[in-house]
Amino acid sequence: MALTRTPSRVRSLLAGVALAALAGAGAVVLPHVAGATPGQPTIAEVTAKLDKLSKQNEVLAEQYNKATAEVKAEQKAADAAQQQALTAATDFDKARARLSRTVTAEYESGAFSHAGALLTSADGQTYLDALSALSLISSHRAEIVSQIKAVHTRAETAQQKATELLAAAQKKATALDKQKKAIESDTKKFTDLLATLNATQQGAYTNSGTVPPAIGKIGVGKAPNAAAQRAVDYAVAQVGKSYVFAASGPDAFDCSGLTMMAWAQGGVGLPHLAASQYSYGRHVSFSELLPGDLIFLYPPGISHVEIYVGGDLAVSAADESLGIRFVHPSQDMSNWAGATRLA
């Protein structure tokens, strides 16, 4: 029988604390217990902070994924604009060379002027023919000059666009680096706070809501089609691996990195962002869930996604202390944002 997640990790922690006290695991600080050190946080307070930091870390990780995708897109656009600028510059050089050849030819030929045409013409008709030729040459030269101006403008515009896009990408990349440091700092706060609990309390916290892998694998259902089955099989195979923000395998994942890679096995390309994945596929209700469906949590922004594998089980990558694990989605209905079916 699979273990269920309690609505709050606080109850699991307090149960763990009680067991630890009975087993003589050492002094613990309980809420509203006489003799507790004044000013020292209670277990409930520590738990509340851990839950808050865990959620905050996941939100930051998803924001990081979004910013990473935007930087890549802007860098790609900057590269394309730079290539357009180079092409335009080459076209400008070619047009300028054509104009140079035309002007040189006119200068070197005495007939290429009204006076020259008059002096070199044998009769009136020859003179008129020469004037007609001069008119065509003049039009051709004007056309080349117009082309040069247009190409030059295009080159300058493309270069300006490339410069602006590159600057935007660099600015966002700098912000991304700051965001990464913020996540790392936030994660350290989480692990430092977790370290203030004793071993039994830590176990109660990290195992809260976690279904043992052996039990979870027994409960995995059969997917409705081959593509979904491949996604489910991949996700189940990752249980027990580490959670690392912005990771997409093979040894560690974040939530959207796991679902992205799982469905890549089923032939569906997803972005590395939970909120964006929500736009893929057909939306289904909780009662309609089938193995392979994606479950989204924490509206309205949607900062978590996990993959349903059947039997009220989902594979979830939530935070560093929990890693990739089986969970019961029915215990997270208060955070429910929706679900989608990709195949």
C-alpha atoms as a PDB file:
ATOM      1  CA  MET A   1       0.000   0.000   0.000  1.00  0.00           C
ATOM      2  CA  ALA A   2       1.471   3.312  -1.059  1.00  0.00           C
ATOM      3  CA  LEU A   3       2.239   5.945   1.538  1.00  0.00           C
ATOM      4  CA  THR A   4       0.186   9.129   1.210  1.00  0.00           C
ATOM      5  CA  ARG A   5       1.362  12.700   1.531  1.00  0.00           C
ATOM      6  CA  THR A   6      -0.033  14.591   4.485  1.00  0.00           C
ATOM      7  CA  PRO A   7      -1.494  17.997   3.611  1.00  0.00           C
ATOM      8  CA  SER A   8       1.309  19.586   5.596  1.00  0.00           C
ATOM      9  CA  ARG A   9       4.890  18.591   6.281  1.00  0.00           C
ATOM     10  CA  VAL A  10       4.421  20.085   9.759  1.00  0.00           C
ATOM     11  CA  ARG A  11       2.409  17.096  10.962  1.00  0.00           C
ATOM     12  CA  SER A  12       5.046  14.684   9.639  1.00  0.00           C
ATOM     13  CA  LEU A  13       7.784  16.665  11.306  1.00  0.00           C
ATOM     14  CA  LEU A  14       6.010  16.786  14.657  1.00  0.00           C
ATOM     15  CA  ALA A  15       5.419  13.050  14.426  1.00  0.00           C
ATOM     16  CA  GLY A  16       9.129  12.585  13.711  1.00  0.00           C
ATOM     17  CA  VAL A  17      10.007  14.815  16.629  1.00  0.00           C
ATOM     18  CA  ALA A  18       7.780  12.824  18.966  1.00  0.00           C
ATOM     19  CA  LEU A  19       9.388   9.565  17.869  1.00  0.00           C
ATOM     20  CA  ALA A  20      12.821  11.056  18.310  1.00  0.00           C
ATOM     21  CA  ALA A  21      11.966  12.202  21.812  1.00  0.00           C
ATOM     22  CA  LEU A  22      10.616   8.775  22.749  1.00  0.00           C
ATOM     23  CA  ALA A  23      13.732   7.156  21.395  1.00  0.00           C
ATOM     24  CA  GLY A  24      15.963   9.507  23.366  1.00  0.00           C
ATOM     25  CA  ALA A  25      17.252  11.135  20.226  1.00  0.00           C
ATOM     26  CA  GLY A  26      18.248  14.244  22.113  1.00  0.00           C
ATOM     27  CA  ALA A  27      16.767  17.588  22.977  1.00  0.00           C
ATOM     28  CA  VAL A  28      14.362  19.106  20.493  1.00  0.00           C
ATOM     29  CA  VAL A  29      12.522  22.395  20.449  1.00  0.00           C
ATOM     30  CA  LEU A  30       8.750  22.019  20.294  1.00  0.00           C
ATOM     31  CA  PRO A  31       6.279  24.835  19.840  1.00  0.00           C
ATOM     32  CA  HIS A  32       4.899  26.245  23.084  1.00  0.00           C
ATOM     33  CA  VAL A  33       6.818  23.758  25.227  1.00  0.00           C
ATOM     34  CA  ALA A  34       8.064  25.011  28.557  1.00  0.00           C
ATOM     35  CA  GLY A  35      11.822  25.092  28.829  1.00  0.00           C
ATOM     36  CA  ALA A  36      12.434  25.853  25.126  1.00  0.00           C
ATOM     37  CA  THR A  37      15.334  28.233  24.593  1.00  0.00           C
ATOM     38  CA  PRO A  38      13.912  31.753  24.229  1.00  0.00           C
ATOM     39  CA  GLY A  39      14.338  33.070  20.700  1.00  0.00           C
ATOM     40  CA  GLN A  40      15.151  29.653  19.213  1.00  0.00           C
ATOM     41  CA  PRO A  41      12.815  28.787  16.312  1.00  0.00           C
ATOM     42  CA  THR A  42      10.315  26.008  16.831  1.00  0.00           C
ATOM     43  CA  ILE A  43      10.149  22.941  14.606  1.00  0.00           C
ATOM     44  CA  ALA A  44       6.950  24.268  13.056  1.00  0.00           C
ATOM     45  CA  GLU A  45       8.658  27.587  12.263  1.00  0.00           C
ATOM     46  CA  VAL A  46      11.648  25.823  10.725  1.00  0.00           C
ATOM     47  CA  THR A  47       9.327  23.654   8.656  1.00  0.00           C
ATOM     48  CA  ALA A  48       7.355  26.657   7.446  1.00  0.00           C
ATOM     49  CA  LYS A  49      10.590  28.351   6.385  1.00  0.00           C
ATOM     50  CA  LEU A  50      11.774  25.202   4.612  1.00  0.00           C
ATOM     51  CA  ASP A  51       8.504  24.964   2.679  1.00  0.00           C
ATOM     52  CA  LYS A  52       8.694  28.649   1.761  1.00  0.00           C
ATOM     53  CA  LEU A  53      12.323  28.410   0.630  1.00  0.00           C
ATOM     54  CA  SER A  54      11.598  25.251  -1.354  1.00  0.00           C
ATOM     55  CA  LYS A  55       8.720  26.905  -3.223  1.00  0.00           C
ATOM     56  CA  GLN A  56      10.713  30.119  -3.728  1.00  0.00           C
ATOM     57  CA  ASN A  57      13.665  28.156  -5.087  1.00  0.00           C
ATOM     58  CA  GLU A  58      11.469  26.356  -7.610  1.00  0.00           C
ATOM     59  CA  VAL A  59       9.893  29.612  -8.777  1.00  0.00           C
ATOM     60  CA  LEU A  60      13.362  31.128  -9.240  1.00  0.00           C
ATOM     61  CA  ALA A  61      14.518  28.031 -11.119  1.00  0.00           C
ATOM     62  CA  GLU A  62      11.617  28.307 -13.572  1.00  0.00           C
ATOM     63  CA  GLN A  63      12.305  32.027 -14.029  1.00  0.00           C
ATOM     64  CA  TYR A  64      15.921  31.119 -14.717  1.00  0.00           C
ATOM     65  CA  ASN A  65      14.822  28.607 -17.373  1.00  0.00           C
ATOM     66  CA  LYS A  66      12.641  31.244 -19.017  1.00  0.00           C
ATOM     67  CA  ALA A  67      15.437  33.833 -19.018  1.00  0.00           C
ATOM     68  CA  THR A  68      17.878  31.264 -20.420  1.00  0.00           C
ATOM     69  CA  ALA A  69      15.535  30.553 -23.343  1.00  0.00           C
ATOM     70  CA  GLU A  70      15.105  34.294 -23.979  1.00  0.00           C
ATOM     71  CA  VAL A  71      18.877  34.877 -23.991  1.00  0.00           C
ATOM     72  CA  LYS A  72      19.356  32.053 -26.508  1.00  0.00           C
ATOM     73  CA  ALA A  73      16.592  33.446 -28.731  1.00  0.00           C
ATOM     74  CA  GLU A  74      18.001  36.982 -28.611  1.00  0.00           C
ATOM     75  CA  GLN A  75      21.515  35.749 -29.289  1.00  0.00           C
ATOM     76  CA  LYS A  76      20.213  33.794 -32.280  1.00  0.00           C
ATOM     77  CA  ALA A  77      18.375  36.883 -33.561  1.00  0.00           C
ATOM     78  CA  ALA A  78      21.504  38.983 -33.046  1.00  0.00           C
ATOM     79  CA  ASP A  79      23.561  36.477 -35.024  1.00  0.00           C
ATOM     80  CA  ALA A  80      20.980  36.523 -37.852  1.00  0.00           C
ATOM     81  CA  ALA A  81      20.951  40.333 -37.890  1.00  0.00           C
ATOM     82  CA  GLN A  82      24.740  40.418 -37.960  1.00  0.00           C
ATOM     83  CA  GLN A  83      24.726  38.072 -40.953  1.00  0.00           C
ATOM     84  CA  GLN A  84      22.200  40.332 -42.702  1.00  0.00           C
ATOM     85  CA  ALA A  85      24.458  43.312 -41.999  1.00  0.00           C
ATOM     86  CA  LEU A  86      27.463  41.511 -43.523  1.00  0.00           C
ATOM     87  CA  THR A  87      25.434  40.543 -46.606  1.00  0.00           C
ATOM     88  CA  ALA A  88      24.206  44.114 -47.009  1.00  0.00           C
ATOM     89  CA  ALA A  89      27.746  45.459 -46.647  1.00  0.00           C
ATOM     90  CA  THR A  90      28.942  43.055 -49.369  1.00  0.00           C
ATOM     91  CA  ASP A  91      26.076  44.169 -51.652  1.00  0.00           C
ATOM     92  CA  PHE A  92      27.044  47.782 -50.982  1.00  0.00           C
ATOM     93  CA  ASP A  93      30.658  47.150 -52.014  1.00  0.00           C
ATOM     94  CA  LYS A  94      29.492  45.437 -55.224  1.00  0.00           C
ATOM     95  CA  ALA A  95      27.119  48.272 -56.136  1.00  0.00           C
ATOM     96  CA  ARG A  96      29.795  50.866 -55.475  1.00  0.00           C
ATOM     97  CA  ALA A  97      32.208  48.956 -57.716  1.00  0.00           C
ATOM     98  CA  ARG A  98      29.628  48.887 -60.534  1.00  0.00           C
ATOM     99  CA  LEU A  99      29.168  52.651 -60.259  1.00  0.00           C
ATOM    100  CA  SER A 100      32.922  53.152 -60.331  1.00  0.00           C
ATOM    101  CA  ARG A 101      33.227  51.129 -63.535  1.00  0.00           C
ATOM    102  CA  THR A 102      30.378  53.060 -65.172  1.00  0.00           C
ATOM    103  CA  VAL A 103      31.830  56.463 -64.309  1.00  0.00           C
ATOM    104  CA  THR A 104      35.305  55.407 -65.444  1.00  0.00           C
ATOM    105  CA  ALA A 105      33.942  54.187 -68.785  1.00  0.00           C
ATOM    106  CA  GLU A 106      32.148  57.495 -69.324  1.00  0.00           C
ATOM    107  CA  TYR A 107      35.234  59.493 -68.473  1.00  0.00           C
ATOM    108  CA  GLU A 108      37.543  57.484 -70.722  1.00  0.00           C
ATOM    109  CA  SER A 109      35.271  57.750 -73.782  1.00  0.00           C
ATOM    110  CA  GLY A 110      35.026  61.146 -75.400  1.00  0.00           C
ATOM    111  CA  ALA A 111      31.727  60.198 -76.965  1.00  0.00           C
ATOM    112  CA  PHE A 112      30.089  59.916 -73.580  1.00  0.00           C
ATOM    113  CA  SER A 113      29.033  63.610 -73.502  1.00  0.00           C
ATOM    114  CA  HIS A 114      26.708  65.796 -75.542  1.00  0.00           C
ATOM    115  CA  ALA A 115      29.628  67.703 -77.032  1.00  0.00           C
ATOM    116  CA  GLY A 116      31.549  64.515 -77.753  1.00  0.00           C
ATOM    117  CA  ALA A 117      28.515  62.994 -79.467  1.00  0.00           C
ATOM    118  CA  LEU A 118      28.128  66.051 -81.670  1.00  0.00           C
ATOM    119  CA  LEU A 119      31.784  66.080 -82.693  1.00  0.00           C
ATOM    120  CA  THR A 120      32.003  62.365 -83.436  1.00  0.00           C
ATOM    121  CA  SER A 121      28.662  61.918 -85.213  1.00  0.00           C
ATOM    122  CA  ALA A 122      28.778  61.625 -89.022  1.00  0.00           C
ATOM    123  CA  ASP A 123      25.186  62.803 -89.440  1.00  0.00           C
ATOM    124  CA  GLY A 124      22.108  63.903 -87.547  1.00  0.00           C
ATOM    125  CA  GLN A 125      20.715  60.402 -87.006  1.00  0.00           C
ATOM    126  CA  THR A 126      24.005  59.191 -85.548  1.00  0.00           C
ATOM    127  CA  TYR A 127      23.943  62.153 -83.184  1.00  0.00           C
ATOM    128  CA  LEU A 128      20.381  61.345 -82.072  1.00  0.00           C
ATOM    129  CA  ASP A 129      21.342  57.713 -81.533  1.00  0.00           C
ATOM    130  CA  ALA A 130      24.289  58.833 -79.433  1.00  0.00           C
ATOM    131  CA  LEU A 131      22.042  61.077 -77.327  1.00  0.00           C
ATOM    132  CA  SER A 132      19.655  58.151 -76.766  1.00  0.00           C
ATOM    133  CA  ALA A 133      22.541  55.979 -75.621  1.00  0.00           C
ATOM    134  CA  LEU A 134      23.702  58.746 -73.298  1.00  0.00           C
ATOM    135  CA  SER A 135      20.198  58.932 -71.799  1.00  0.00           C
ATOM    136  CA  LEU A 136      20.199  55.169 -71.140  1.00  0.00           C
ATOM    137  CA  ILE A 137      23.640  55.344 -69.548  1.00  0.00           C
ATOM    138  CA  SER A 138      22.545  58.242 -67.365  1.00  0.00           C
ATOM    139  CA  SER A 139      19.451  56.293 -66.243  1.00  0.00           C
ATOM    140  CA  HIS A 140      21.595  53.227 -65.537  1.00  0.00           C
ATOM    141  CA  ARG A 141      23.988  55.308 -63.463  1.00  0.00           C
ATOM    142  CA  ALA A 142      21.086  56.856 -61.527  1.00  0.00           C
ATOM    143  CA  GLU A 143      19.695  53.372 -60.896  1.00  0.00           C
ATOM    144  CA  ILE A 144      23.060  52.180 -59.563  1.00  0.00           C
ATOM    145  CA  VAL A 145      23.319  55.236 -57.310  1.00  0.00           C
ATOM    146  CA  SER A 146      19.797  54.547 -56.013  1.00  0.00           C
ATOM    147  CA  GLN A 147      20.748  50.909 -55.375  1.00  0.00           C
ATOM    148  CA  ILE A 148      23.848  51.998 -53.495  1.00  0.00           C
ATOM    149  CA  LYS A 149      21.827  54.282 -51.254  1.00  0.00           C
ATOM    150  CA  ALA A 150      19.250  51.558 -50.538  1.00  0.00           C
ATOM    151  CA  VAL A 151      21.885  48.914 -49.838  1.00  0.00           C
ATOM    152  CA  HIS A 152      23.838  51.290 -47.618  1.00  0.00           C
ATOM    153  CA  THR A 153      20.695  52.097 -45.626  1.00  0.00           C
ATOM    154  CA  ARG A 154      19.893  48.379 -45.329  1.00  0.00           C
ATOM    155  CA  ALA A 155      23.413  47.644 -44.110  1.00  0.00           C
ATOM    156  CA  GLU A 156      23.285  50.388 -41.484  1.00  0.00           C
ATOM    157  CA  THR A 157      19.806  49.295 -40.295  1.00  0.00           C
ATOM    158  CA  ALA A 158      20.850  45.647 -40.042  1.00  0.00           C
ATOM    159  CA  GLN A 159      24.005  46.546 -38.146  1.00  0.00           C
ATOM    160  CA  GLN A 160      22.055  48.736 -35.742  1.00  0.00           C
ATOM    161  CA  LYS A 161      19.553  45.933 -35.144  1.00  0.00           C
ATOM    162  CA  ALA A 162      22.353  43.428 -34.544  1.00  0.00           C
ATOM    163  CA  THR A 163      24.042  45.785 -32.082  1.00  0.00           C
ATOM    164  CA  GLU A 164      20.803  46.383 -30.158  1.00  0.00           C
ATOM    165  CA  LEU A 165      19.898  42.673 -30.026  1.00  0.00           C
ATOM    166  CA  LEU A 166      23.366  41.715 -28.880  1.00  0.00           C
ATOM    167  CA  ALA A 167      23.323  44.380 -26.166  1.00  0.00           C
ATOM    168  CA  ALA A 168      19.917  43.132 -24.983  1.00  0.00           C
ATOM    169  CA  ALA A 169      21.166  39.539 -24.898  1.00  0.00           C
ATOM    170  CA  GLN A 170      24.271  40.550 -22.948  1.00  0.00           C
ATOM    171  CA  LYS A 171      22.186  42.570 -20.476  1.00  0.00           C
ATOM    172  CA  LYS A 172      19.845  39.646 -19.935  1.00  0.00           C
ATOM    173  CA  ALA A 173      22.771  37.255 -19.591  1.00  0.00           C
ATOM    174  CA  THR A 174      24.204  39.471 -16.839  1.00  0.00           C
ATOM    175  CA  ALA A 175      20.837  39.470 -15.070  1.00  0.00           C
ATOM    176  CA  LEU A 176      20.705  35.707 -15.541  1.00  0.00           C
ATOM    177  CA  ASP A 177      24.039  35.324 -13.788  1.00  0.00           C
ATOM    178  CA  LYS A 178      22.733  37.378 -10.852  1.00  0.00           C
ATOM    179  CA  GLN A 179      19.608  35.230 -10.772  1.00  0.00           C
ATOM    180  CA  LYS A 180      21.719  32.085 -10.697  1.00  0.00           C
ATOM    181  CA  LYS A 181      23.658  33.429  -7.715  1.00  0.00           C
ATOM    182  CA  ALA A 182      20.363  34.270  -5.998  1.00  0.00           C
ATOM    183  CA  ILE A 183      19.166  30.689  -6.495  1.00  0.00           C
ATOM    184  CA  GLU A 184      22.437  29.301  -5.171  1.00  0.00           C
ATOM    185  CA  SER A 185      22.181  31.587  -2.129  1.00  0.00           C
ATOM    186  CA  ASP A 186      18.561  30.577  -1.615  1.00  0.00           C
ATOM    187  CA  THR A 187      19.467  26.897  -1.860  1.00  0.00           C
ATOM    188  CA  LYS A 188      22.214  27.350   0.727  1.00  0.00           C
ATOM    189  CA  LYS A 189      19.704  28.931   3.117  1.00  0.00           C
ATOM    190  CA  PHE A 190      17.487  25.901   2.600  1.00  0.00           C
ATOM    191  CA  THR A 191      20.246  23.358   3.235  1.00  0.00           C
ATOM    192  CA  ASP A 192      21.613  25.311   6.208  1.00  0.00           C
ATOM    193  CA  LEU A 193      18.150  25.460   7.735  1.00  0.00           C
ATOM    194  CA  LEU A 194      17.595  21.762   7.081  1.00  0.00           C
ATOM    195  CA  ALA A 195      20.896  21.052   8.844  1.00  0.00           C
ATOM    196  CA  THR A 196      19.509  22.578  12.050  1.00  0.00           C
ATOM    197  CA  LEU A 197      17.179  19.571  12.367  1.00  0.00           C
ATOM    198  CA  ASN A 198      18.404  16.296  13.779  1.00  0.00           C
ATOM    199  CA  ALA A 199      18.570  13.158  11.619  1.00  0.00           C
ATOM    200  CA  THR A 200      15.103  11.902  12.570  1.00  0.00           C
ATOM    201  CA  GLN A 201      13.529  15.294  11.928  1.00  0.00           C
ATOM    202  CA  GLN A 202      15.306  15.600   8.573  1.00  0.00           C
ATOM    203  CA  GLY A 203      14.057  12.172   7.607  1.00  0.00           C
ATOM    204  CA  ALA A 204      10.504  13.129   8.558  1.00  0.00           C
ATOM    205  CA  TYR A 205      10.757  16.261   6.442  1.00  0.00           C
ATOM    206  CA  THR A 206      12.380  14.760   3.345  1.00  0.00           C
ATOM    207  CA  ASN A 207      10.200  11.637   3.382  1.00  0.00           C
ATOM    208  CA  SER A 208       6.974  13.576   3.876  1.00  0.00           C
ATOM    209  CA  GLY A 209       4.796  12.850   0.875  1.00  0.00           C
ATOM    210  CA  THR A 210       7.380  10.565  -0.722  1.00  0.00           C
ATOM    211  CA  VAL A 211       6.321   7.134  -1.955  1.00  0.00           C
ATOM    212  CA  PRO A 212       9.116   4.541  -1.610  1.00  0.00           C
ATOM    213  CA  PRO A 213      10.446   3.723  -5.116  1.00  0.00           C
ATOM    214  CA  ALA A 214       9.738  -0.018  -4.781  1.00  0.00           C
ATOM    215  CA  ILE A 215       6.108   0.657  -3.866  1.00  0.00           C
ATOM    216  CA  GLY A 216       5.776   3.388  -6.469  1.00  0.00           C
ATOM    217  CA  LYS A 217       6.986   1.187  -9.318  1.00  0.00           C
ATOM    218  CA  ILE A 218       4.383  -1.437  -8.420  1.00  0.00           C
ATOM    219  CA  GLY A 219       1.664   1.202  -8.770  1.00  0.00           C
ATOM    220  CA  VAL A 220       2.744   2.516 -12.198  1.00  0.00           C
ATOM    221  CA  GLY A 221      -0.057   2.047 -14.723  1.00  0.00           C
ATOM    222  CA  LYS A 222      -0.079   1.289 -18.436  1.00  0.00           C
ATOM    223  CA  ALA A 223      -0.064   4.341 -20.704  1.00  0.00           C
ATOM    224  CA  PRO A 224      -2.738   4.695 -23.417  1.00  0.00           C
ATOM    225  CA  ASN A 225      -0.237   4.671 -26.283  1.00  0.00           C
ATOM    226  CA  ALA A 226       3.394   3.904 -27.119  1.00  0.00           C
ATOM    227  CA  ALA A 227       4.567   7.534 -27.018  1.00  0.00           C
ATOM    228  CA  ALA A 228       3.112   8.132 -23.550  1.00  0.00           C
ATOM    229  CA  GLN A 229       4.518   4.795 -22.357  1.00  0.00           C
ATOM    230  CA  ARG A 230       8.037   5.800 -23.402  1.00  0.00           C
ATOM    231  CA  ALA A 231       7.619   9.093 -21.503  1.00  0.00           C
ATOM    232  CA  VAL A 232       6.398   7.252 -18.399  1.00  0.00           C
ATOM    233  CA  ASP A 233       9.166   4.646 -18.547  1.00  0.00           C
ATOM    234  CA  TYR A 234      11.811   7.345 -18.830  1.00  0.00           C
ATOM    235  CA  ALA A 235      10.411   9.348 -15.909  1.00  0.00           C
ATOM    236  CA  VAL A 236      10.133   6.288 -13.655  1.00  0.00           C
ATOM    237  CA  ALA A 237      13.748   5.361 -14.459  1.00  0.00           C
ATOM    238  CA  GLN A 238      14.905   8.740 -13.100  1.00  0.00           C
ATOM    239  CA  VAL A 239      13.409   8.241  -9.605  1.00  0.00           C
ATOM    240  CA  GLY A 240      16.134   8.564  -6.997  1.00  0.00           C
ATOM    241  CA  LYS A 241      18.294  10.940  -9.033  1.00  0.00           C
ATOM    242  CA  SER A 242      19.142  14.471  -7.925  1.00  0.00           C
ATOM    243  CA  TYR A 243      17.242  17.707  -8.370  1.00  0.00           C
ATOM    244  CA  VAL A 244      19.397  20.544  -9.744  1.00  0.00           C
ATOM    245  CA  PHE A 245      17.898  23.792 -10.990  1.00  0.00           C
ATOM    246  CA  ALA A 246      17.984  24.270 -14.779  1.00  0.00           C
ATOM    247  CA  ALA A 247      19.187  20.661 -15.254  1.00  0.00           C
ATOM    248  CA  SER A 248      17.759  18.367 -17.907  1.00  0.00           C
ATOM    249  CA  GLY A 249      19.707  15.141 -17.335  1.00  0.00           C
ATOM    250  CA  PRO A 250      21.109  12.679 -17.588  1.00  0.00           C
ATOM    251  CA  ASP A 251      22.117  12.616 -13.909  1.00  0.00           C
ATOM    252  CA  ALA A 252      19.992  15.446 -12.497  1.00  0.00           C
ATOM    253  CA  PHE A 253      16.823  17.351 -13.427  1.00  0.00           C
ATOM    254  CA  ASP A 254      14.557  20.157 -12.422  1.00  0.00           C
ATOM    255  CA  CYS A 255      10.796  19.744 -12.806  1.00  0.00           C
ATOM    256  CA  SER A 256      10.369  20.976 -16.392  1.00  0.00           C
ATOM    257  CA  GLY A 257      13.712  19.465 -17.418  1.00  0.00           C
ATOM    258  CA  LEU A 258      12.425  16.043 -16.358  1.00  0.00           C
ATOM    259  CA  THR A 259       9.103  16.318 -18.192  1.00  0.00           C
ATOM    260  CA  MET A 260      10.820  17.787 -21.255  1.00  0.00           C
ATOM    261  CA  MET A 261      13.246  14.876 -21.480  1.00  0.00           C
ATOM    262  CA  ALA A 262      10.566  12.286 -20.667  1.00  0.00           C
ATOM    263  CA  TRP A 263       8.358  13.426 -23.516  1.00  0.00           C
ATOM    264  CA  ALA A 264      11.323  13.781 -25.849  1.00  0.00           C
ATOM    265  CA  GLN A 265      11.406   9.974 -25.670  1.00  0.00           C
ATOM    266  CA  GLY A 266       7.812  10.019 -26.901  1.00  0.00           C
ATOM    267  CA  GLY A 267       8.681  12.251 -29.849  1.00  0.00           C
ATOM    268  CA  VAL A 268       7.233  15.489 -28.425  1.00  0.00           C
ATOM    269  CA  GLY A 269       9.421  18.572 -28.132  1.00  0.00           C
ATOM    270  CA  LEU A 270       8.688  20.727 -25.081  1.00  0.00           C
ATOM    271  CA  PRO A 271      10.313  23.946 -23.853  1.00  0.00           C
ATOM    272  CA  HIS A 272      12.306  23.866 -20.613  1.00  0.00           C
ATOM    273  CA  LEU A 273       9.687  25.873 -18.731  1.00  0.00           C
ATOM    274  CA  ALA A 274       6.659  24.625 -16.780  1.00  0.00           C
ATOM    275  CA  ALA A 275       4.410  27.581 -17.660  1.00  0.00           C
ATOM    276  CA  SER A 276       5.167  27.157 -21.370  1.00  0.00           C
ATOM    277  CA  GLN A 277       4.599  23.388 -21.278  1.00  0.00           C
ATOM    278  CA  TYR A 278       1.087  24.132 -20.019  1.00  0.00           C
ATOM    279  CA  SER A 279       0.239  25.425 -23.518  1.00  0.00           C
ATOM    280  CA  TYR A 280       1.041  22.080 -25.169  1.00  0.00           C
ATOM    281  CA  GLY A 281      -1.462  19.298 -25.746  1.00  0.00           C
ATOM    282  CA  ARG A 282      -5.094  18.990 -24.652  1.00  0.00           C
ATOM    283  CA  HIS A 283      -6.208  20.016 -21.180  1.00  0.00           C
ATOM    284  CA  VAL A 284      -7.754  17.304 -19.019  1.00  0.00           C
ATOM    285  CA  SER A 285      -9.303  17.212 -15.549  1.00  0.00           C
ATOM    286  CA  PHE A 286      -7.941  15.374 -12.521  1.00  0.00           C
ATOM    287  CA  SER A 287     -10.519  12.599 -12.945  1.00  0.00           C
ATOM    288  CA  GLU A 288      -9.406  12.084 -16.568  1.00  0.00           C
ATOM    289  CA  LEU A 289      -5.691  11.638 -15.794  1.00  0.00           C
ATOM    290  CA  LEU A 290      -3.883   8.873 -17.658  1.00  0.00           C
ATOM    291  CA  PRO A 291      -0.223   7.795 -17.473  1.00  0.00           C
ATOM    292  CA  GLY A 292       1.913  10.285 -19.386  1.00  0.00           C
ATOM    293  CA  ASP A 293      -0.257  13.337 -18.667  1.00  0.00           C
ATOM    294  CA  LEU A 294       1.494  16.390 -17.238  1.00  0.00           C
ATOM    295  CA  ILE A 295       0.263  17.882 -13.965  1.00  0.00           C
ATOM    296  CA  PHE A 296       0.813  21.579 -13.264  1.00  0.00           C
ATOM    297  CA  LEU A 297       0.844  23.221  -9.848  1.00  0.00           C
ATOM    298  CA  TYR A 298       0.876  26.654  -8.203  1.00  0.00           C
ATOM    299  CA  PRO A 299      -1.364  28.938 -10.252  1.00  0.00           C
ATOM    300  CA  PRO A 300      -1.520  31.538 -11.575  1.00  0.00           C
ATOM    301  CA  GLY A 301       2.144  31.597 -12.570  1.00  0.00           C
ATOM    302  CA  ILE A 302       2.604  27.784 -12.700  1.00  0.00           C
ATOM    303  CA  SER A 303       6.023  27.039 -11.259  1.00  0.00           C
ATOM    304  CA  HIS A 304       5.910  23.232 -11.091  1.00  0.00           C
ATOM    305  CA  VAL A 305       5.148  20.366 -13.453  1.00  0.00           C
ATOM    306  CA  GLU A 306       5.257  16.607 -12.880  1.00  0.00           C
ATOM    307  CA  ILE A 307       4.316  13.570 -14.925  1.00  0.00           C
ATOM    308  CA  TYR A 308       1.439  11.302 -13.976  1.00  0.00           C
ATOM    309  CA  VAL A 309       2.260   7.573 -14.116  1.00  0.00           C
ATOM    310  CA  GLY A 310      -1.031   6.044 -12.925  1.00  0.00           C
ATOM    311  CA  GLY A 311      -2.495   4.830  -9.645  1.00  0.00           C
ATOM    312  CA  ASP A 312      -2.529   8.311  -8.076  1.00  0.00           C
ATOM    313  CA  LEU A 313       1.228   8.467  -8.596  1.00  0.00           C
ATOM    314  CA  ALA A 314       3.358  11.079 -10.326  1.00  0.00           C
ATOM    315  CA  VAL A 315       7.102  11.432 -10.790  1.00  0.00           C
ATOM    316  CA  SER A 316       8.207  14.807  -9.489  1.00  0.00           C
ATOM    317  CA  ALA A 317      11.469  16.778  -9.324  1.00  0.00           C
ATOM    318  CA  ALA A 318      10.806  19.337  -6.608  1.00  0.00           C
ATOM    319  CA  ASP A 319      13.893  20.462  -4.671  1.00  0.00           C
ATOM    320  CA  GLU A 320      17.410  19.476  -3.699  1.00  0.00           C
ATOM    321  CA  SER A 321      16.545  17.731  -0.446  1.00  0.00           C
ATOM    322  CA  LEU A 322      13.852  15.573  -2.040  1.00  0.00           C
ATOM    323  CA  GLY A 323      15.340  14.740  -5.426  1.00  0.00           C
ATOM    324  CA  ILE A 324      13.246  12.914  -8.016  1.00  0.00           C
ATOM    325  CA  ARG A 325      10.526  10.872  -6.357  1.00  0.00           C
ATOM    326  CA  PHE A 326       7.064   9.357  -6.562  1.00  0.00           C
ATOM    327  CA  VAL A 327       4.307  11.518  -5.070  1.00  0.00           C
ATOM    328  CA  HIS A 328       0.510  11.379  -4.763  1.00  0.00           C
ATOM    329  CA  PRO A 329      -1.006  14.175  -6.881  1.00  0.00           C
ATOM    330  CA  SER A 330      -4.332  13.850  -5.033  1.00  0.00           C
ATOM    331  CA  GLN A 331      -2.577  15.350  -1.997  1.00  0.00           C
ATOM    332  CA  ASP A 332      -1.715  18.522  -3.928  1.00  0.00           C
ATOM    333  CA  MET A 333      -5.198  19.527  -5.090  1.00  0.00           C
ATOM    334  CA  SER A 334      -4.981  22.823  -3.185  1.00  0.00           C
ATOM    335  CA  ASN A 335      -2.104  23.755  -5.530  1.00  0.00           C
ATOM    336  CA  TRP A 336      -3.722  22.311  -8.690  1.00  0.00           C
ATOM    337  CA  ALA A 337      -3.391  24.450 -11.835  1.00  0.00           C
ATOM    338  CA  GLY A 338      -4.359  21.884 -14.479  1.00  0.00           C
ATOM    339  CA  ALA A 339      -3.167  18.951 -16.571  1.00  0.00           C
ATOM    340  CA  THR A 340      -2.451  18.305 -20.231  1.00  0.00           C
ATOM    341  CA  ARG A 341      -2.345  15.260 -22.501  1.00  0.00           C
ATOM    342  CA  LEU A 342       0.305  15.288 -25.214  1.00  0.00           C
ATOM    343  CA  ALA A 343      -0.517  12.065 -27.070  1.00  0.00           C
END
